[in-house]
Amino acid sequence: MKVKPSRHDRASFIAYAFAIIMVVVALSPFIYVVLTALKQPEQIYNPSEIIPTHVTLENFKGVLFHSRFLRYFANSIFITLVTMLISMVLAVLAAYGLTRYRLFGADTIKLTVLMTRMFPGILLCLPFYIIMKHLGLIDSYVGLVAMYISFTLPFAIWNLCATFSQLPWELEEAALIDGCTRFSAFFRVMIHVAKPGLMVTALFSFMNTWDEYMFAMVFINTTVKKTLQVGMKDFIGQYSTDWGLLMAAVTLSLIPVFIFFAVVQKHLVIGLSAGAVKG
């Protein structure tokens, strides 16, 4: 006797099928990039050979040992980490002060901070260039990091304000009663409880800086100071593009993002699970 599928079963099947389709669509560009990086030159320009018949690592060897990729990679890592650390420190202090203290005009300050995100980066490129030129920060990491912070800091402050505002006051009051100072209660209790929000904000700051192209292209002129996103243009010539090397460089450039996301996800799961346990 055949059992007729229930409405719940059909809905579950449709939901799973839709989720699988969305995953395939999202992963297709990345898979294509990796497969292209593993192809030999004659296979890359053959549209019928989507999957490489002869896998080669020559493209990765060329990127790592016969180009400035590692130098660009180190530049991007340095700029991204410095930007993320400074943004997070300033954002944590600002968000904590705006939400845990009774400051006059705190809501106005938060709204003003959020409004700075209304302006697109292309609109601010010329004013930034004029300011940085007068300060002598053109073609310097300091100027580039300062610009990146100006873009990541507003969102970080706003996001952490929402995080701290949801934390109960009783946690901090209990720490103060147990003998903690305001400073130690902040670091021992509030930072630990707010870890999920901190990790999400850090991930945004990391990805926003790592993927940035326009400002790095405009404000960095020296070849050895280029970031990875700008440096990958070396594989694009005036009349031709070395797609094998370019796709290998793109694949390698995604590794830090995957690693950082894996670390953040781990802390998110631990933080959320710890907050959901009673007792």
Protein backbone atom coordinates (compact mmCIF):
# COMPACT_ATOMS: atom_id res chain seq x y z
CA MET A 1 0.00 0.00 0.00
CA LYS A 2 1.45 3.29 -1.08
CA VAL A 3 1.60 6.07 1.46
CA LYS A 4 0.66 9.45 0.09
CA PRO A 5 3.23 12.13 0.97
CA SER A 6 1.90 14.63 3.44
CA ARG A 7 1.94 18.37 2.92
CA HIS A 8 4.78 18.65 5.43
CA ASP A 9 6.89 16.13 3.48
CA ARG A 10 6.33 17.98 0.21
CA ALA A 11 7.23 21.29 1.84
CA SER A 12 10.41 19.77 3.30
CA PHE A 13 11.37 18.31 -0.07
CA ILE A 14 10.86 21.65 -1.80
CA ALA A 15 12.87 23.45 0.91
CA TYR A 16 15.79 21.01 0.67
CA ALA A 17 15.75 21.08 -3.13
CA PHE A 18 15.78 24.88 -3.14
CA ALA A 19 18.63 24.93 -0.60
CA ILE A 20 20.68 22.50 -2.70
CA ILE A 21 20.11 24.57 -5.84
CA MET A 22 21.18 27.75 -4.05
CA VAL A 23 24.34 26.07 -2.71
CA VAL A 24 25.24 24.81 -6.18
CA VAL A 25 24.68 28.25 -7.69
CA ALA A 26 26.76 29.93 -4.96
CA LEU A 27 29.64 27.45 -5.27
CA SER A 28 29.71 27.24 -9.06
CA PRO A 29 31.94 30.31 -9.64
CA PHE A 30 34.45 29.15 -7.01
CA ILE A 31 34.52 25.62 -8.41
CA TYR A 32 35.07 26.99 -11.92
CA VAL A 33 37.96 29.15 -10.69
CA VAL A 34 39.65 26.19 -8.98
CA LEU A 35 39.16 23.92 -12.01
CA THR A 36 40.61 26.57 -14.31
CA ALA A 37 43.64 26.97 -12.03
CA LEU A 38 44.27 23.22 -12.33
CA LYS A 39 44.13 23.17 -16.14
CA GLN A 40 46.95 23.22 -18.62
CA PRO A 41 47.08 26.27 -20.95
CA GLU A 42 45.64 24.43 -23.95
CA GLN A 43 42.69 23.22 -21.88
CA ILE A 44 41.78 26.64 -20.53
CA TYR A 45 40.74 27.93 -23.95
CA ASN A 46 38.77 24.78 -24.80
CA PRO A 47 35.16 25.41 -23.68
CA SER A 48 34.28 21.72 -23.92
CA GLU A 49 36.79 20.75 -21.20
CA ILE A 50 35.22 22.19 -18.07
CA ILE A 51 36.79 19.51 -15.89
CA PRO A 52 40.57 19.19 -16.47
CA THR A 53 41.60 15.84 -17.93
CA HIS A 54 45.21 16.36 -16.84
CA VAL A 55 45.51 18.14 -13.49
CA THR A 56 48.58 20.35 -13.12
CA LEU A 57 49.95 22.53 -10.34
CA GLU A 58 52.16 24.60 -12.63
CA ASN A 59 49.87 27.61 -12.33
CA PHE A 60 50.21 27.60 -8.54
CA LYS A 61 53.98 27.16 -8.80
CA GLY A 62 54.17 30.07 -11.22
CA VAL A 63 52.16 32.29 -8.87
CA LEU A 64 54.13 31.39 -5.76
CA PHE A 65 57.67 31.23 -7.13
CA HIS A 66 57.72 33.33 -10.30
CA SER A 67 55.70 36.41 -9.38
CA ARG A 68 55.36 38.99 -6.60
CA PHE A 69 52.30 37.20 -5.21
CA LEU A 70 53.81 36.45 -1.79
CA ARG A 71 54.90 40.07 -1.39
CA TYR A 72 51.42 41.33 -2.26
CA PHE A 73 49.92 38.68 0.01
CA ALA A 74 52.05 39.83 2.95
CA ASN A 75 51.10 43.47 2.30
CA SER A 76 47.39 42.64 2.35
CA ILE A 77 47.70 40.53 5.50
CA PHE A 78 49.52 43.34 7.31
CA ILE A 79 47.10 46.08 6.23
CA THR A 80 44.02 43.96 6.92
CA LEU A 81 45.09 42.84 10.39
CA VAL A 82 46.16 46.33 11.47
CA THR A 83 42.90 47.81 10.19
CA MET A 84 40.81 45.14 11.88
CA LEU A 85 42.60 45.40 15.24
CA ILE A 86 42.44 49.21 15.41
CA SER A 87 38.81 49.27 14.26
CA MET A 88 37.79 46.64 16.80
CA VAL A 89 39.54 48.37 19.73
CA LEU A 90 38.01 51.76 18.90
CA ALA A 91 34.59 50.28 18.13
CA VAL A 92 34.44 48.26 21.37
CA LEU A 93 35.34 51.27 23.51
CA ALA A 94 32.96 53.59 21.65
CA ALA A 95 30.04 51.15 21.65
CA TYR A 96 30.49 50.31 25.32
CA GLY A 97 30.58 53.97 26.27
CA LEU A 98 27.52 54.84 24.17
CA THR A 99 25.39 52.00 25.53
CA ARG A 100 26.52 51.44 29.14
CA TYR A 101 26.88 55.07 30.22
CA ARG A 102 24.31 57.83 30.27
CA LEU A 103 25.87 60.21 27.79
CA PHE A 104 24.12 63.33 26.58
CA GLY A 105 23.29 62.99 22.88
CA ALA A 106 24.31 59.33 22.64
CA ASP A 107 21.52 58.54 20.16
CA THR A 108 22.50 61.52 18.03
CA ILE A 109 26.12 60.39 18.03
CA LYS A 110 25.15 56.86 16.94
CA LEU A 111 22.93 58.22 14.18
CA THR A 112 25.71 60.52 12.97
CA VAL A 113 28.14 57.61 12.91
CA LEU A 114 25.68 55.58 10.86
CA MET A 115 25.11 58.44 8.41
CA THR A 116 28.78 58.40 7.44
CA ARG A 117 28.09 55.06 5.73
CA MET A 118 25.59 56.72 3.39
CA PHE A 119 28.32 58.06 1.11
CA PRO A 120 29.76 55.65 -1.48
CA GLY A 121 33.51 55.18 -1.60
CA ILE A 122 33.85 56.51 -5.15
CA LEU A 123 32.37 59.83 -4.00
CA LEU A 124 34.96 60.19 -1.22
CA CYS A 125 37.94 59.17 -3.32
CA LEU A 126 38.88 62.71 -4.45
CA PRO A 127 38.44 64.38 -1.01
CA PHE A 128 40.48 61.60 0.58
CA TYR A 129 43.20 62.01 -2.02
CA ILE A 130 43.46 65.76 -1.40
CA ILE A 131 43.61 65.26 2.38
CA MET A 132 46.18 62.48 2.17
CA LYS A 133 48.31 64.50 -0.26
CA HIS A 134 48.43 67.46 2.15
CA LEU A 135 49.32 65.09 5.01
CA GLY A 136 52.03 63.39 2.94
CA LEU A 137 50.36 59.98 3.26
CA ILE A 138 50.06 59.11 -0.43
CA ASP A 139 51.74 55.79 -1.23
CA SER A 140 51.96 54.80 2.43
CA TYR A 141 50.41 52.06 4.53
CA VAL A 142 49.46 54.57 7.22
CA GLY A 143 47.23 56.54 4.85
CA LEU A 144 45.64 53.40 3.43
CA VAL A 145 44.93 51.96 6.87
CA ALA A 146 43.45 55.28 8.02
CA MET A 147 41.05 55.29 5.07
CA TYR A 148 40.04 51.70 5.65
CA ILE A 149 39.36 52.42 9.31
CA SER A 150 37.12 55.34 8.34
CA PHE A 151 34.93 52.90 6.41
CA THR A 152 34.93 49.91 8.76
CA LEU A 153 34.67 51.81 12.06
CA PRO A 154 31.12 53.23 11.65
CA PHE A 155 29.57 49.84 10.95
CA ALA A 156 31.63 48.25 13.73
CA ILE A 157 30.45 50.84 16.25
CA TRP A 158 26.81 50.50 15.21
CA ASN A 159 26.90 46.71 15.26
CA LEU A 160 28.59 46.54 18.65
CA CYS A 161 26.16 49.09 20.06
CA ALA A 162 23.37 46.67 19.23
CA THR A 163 25.36 43.86 20.85
CA PHE A 164 26.12 45.68 24.11
CA SER A 165 22.59 47.10 24.40
CA GLN A 166 21.18 43.55 24.50
CA LEU A 167 23.41 42.45 27.38
CA PRO A 168 21.68 42.54 30.78
CA TRP A 169 22.91 45.04 33.32
CA GLU A 170 22.75 42.35 36.01
CA LEU A 171 25.90 40.69 34.65
CA GLU A 172 27.98 43.79 35.18
CA GLU A 173 26.38 44.58 38.53
CA ALA A 174 27.08 41.06 39.77
CA ALA A 175 30.73 41.41 38.75
CA LEU A 176 30.99 44.73 40.62
CA ILE A 177 29.42 43.20 43.73
CA ASP A 178 31.95 40.34 43.57
CA GLY A 179 34.77 42.87 43.80
CA CYS A 180 35.57 43.63 40.17
CA THR A 181 36.31 47.16 39.11
CA ARG A 182 34.52 48.64 36.13
CA PHE A 183 37.60 47.94 34.03
CA SER A 184 37.97 44.30 35.10
CA ALA A 185 34.23 43.66 34.77
CA PHE A 186 34.40 44.95 31.22
CA PHE A 187 37.25 42.63 30.21
CA ARG A 188 36.36 39.56 32.30
CA VAL A 189 32.59 39.53 31.82
CA MET A 190 31.27 41.82 29.09
CA ILE A 191 33.84 40.99 26.43
CA HIS A 192 33.34 37.27 26.96
CA VAL A 193 29.55 37.49 26.78
CA ALA A 194 29.67 39.76 23.72
CA LYS A 195 32.06 37.41 21.85
CA PRO A 196 29.54 36.41 19.12
CA GLY A 197 28.94 40.04 18.18
CA LEU A 198 32.66 40.79 18.34
CA MET A 199 33.45 37.89 16.01
CA VAL A 200 30.85 38.95 13.44
CA THR A 201 32.13 42.52 13.50
CA ALA A 202 35.73 41.36 13.17
CA LEU A 203 34.76 39.20 10.20
CA PHE A 204 33.13 42.16 8.48
CA SER A 205 36.17 44.36 9.10
CA PHE A 206 38.49 41.66 7.78
CA MET A 207 36.54 40.96 4.60
CA ASN A 208 35.82 44.63 3.90
CA THR A 209 39.54 45.44 4.01
CA TRP A 210 40.82 42.27 2.34
CA ASP A 211 38.59 42.65 -0.73
CA GLU A 212 39.05 46.41 -1.21
CA TYR A 213 40.47 47.43 -4.58
CA MET A 214 39.69 51.03 -5.50
CA PHE A 215 41.53 52.91 -2.74
CA ALA A 216 44.51 50.57 -2.85
CA MET A 217 44.72 51.16 -6.60
CA VAL A 218 44.52 54.96 -6.31
CA PHE A 219 46.67 55.62 -3.25
CA ILE A 220 49.46 53.05 -3.61
CA ASN A 221 51.93 53.74 -6.42
CA THR A 222 55.01 51.72 -5.49
CA THR A 223 54.97 48.19 -6.89
CA VAL A 224 56.28 46.46 -3.78
CA LYS A 225 53.62 48.17 -1.64
CA LYS A 226 50.64 46.94 -3.67
CA THR A 227 47.95 44.91 -2.00
CA LEU A 228 46.97 41.50 -3.30
CA GLN A 229 43.80 42.66 -5.04
CA VAL A 230 45.75 45.26 -7.01
CA GLY A 231 48.78 43.06 -7.53
CA MET A 232 46.76 40.39 -9.31
CA LYS A 233 46.49 42.81 -12.22
CA ASP A 234 50.06 41.75 -13.07
CA PHE A 235 48.58 38.65 -14.68
CA ILE A 236 46.45 40.79 -17.01
CA GLY A 237 48.45 42.09 -19.95
CA GLN A 238 47.61 44.73 -22.53
CA TYR A 239 46.70 42.20 -25.21
CA SER A 240 46.25 38.93 -23.33
CA THR A 241 45.47 37.49 -19.90
CA ASP A 242 47.17 34.51 -18.30
CA TRP A 243 43.99 32.92 -16.99
CA GLY A 244 45.76 29.98 -15.39
CA LEU A 245 47.96 32.15 -13.20
CA LEU A 246 45.12 34.57 -12.48
CA MET A 247 42.75 31.83 -11.35
CA ALA A 248 45.48 30.27 -9.22
CA ALA A 249 46.10 33.65 -7.58
CA VAL A 250 42.38 34.12 -6.94
CA THR A 251 42.17 30.64 -5.38
CA LEU A 252 45.09 31.33 -3.06
CA SER A 253 43.69 34.73 -2.11
CA LEU A 254 40.55 33.07 -0.73
CA ILE A 255 42.45 30.92 1.78
CA PRO A 256 42.77 33.61 4.53
CA VAL A 257 39.04 34.36 4.27
CA PHE A 258 38.14 30.69 4.68
CA ILE A 259 40.54 30.28 7.61
CA PHE A 260 39.28 33.39 9.38
CA PHE A 261 35.66 32.43 8.81
CA ALA A 262 36.33 28.95 10.21
CA VAL A 263 37.87 30.48 13.35
CA VAL A 264 35.00 32.95 13.74
CA GLN A 265 32.40 30.24 13.23
CA LYS A 266 34.01 28.13 15.92
CA HIS A 267 33.87 30.96 18.44
CA LEU A 268 30.32 31.82 17.41
CA VAL A 269 29.11 28.28 18.05
CA ILE A 270 30.93 28.11 21.40
CA GLY A 271 29.63 31.51 22.50
CA LEU A 272 26.04 30.86 21.50
CA SER A 273 26.05 27.38 23.04
CA ALA A 274 27.50 28.66 26.31
CA GLY A 275 24.87 31.38 26.47
CA ALA A 276 22.09 28.84 25.94
CA VAL A 277 23.07 26.56 28.87
CA LYS A 278 21.38 27.13 32.20
CA GLY A 279 23.08 26.90 35.56
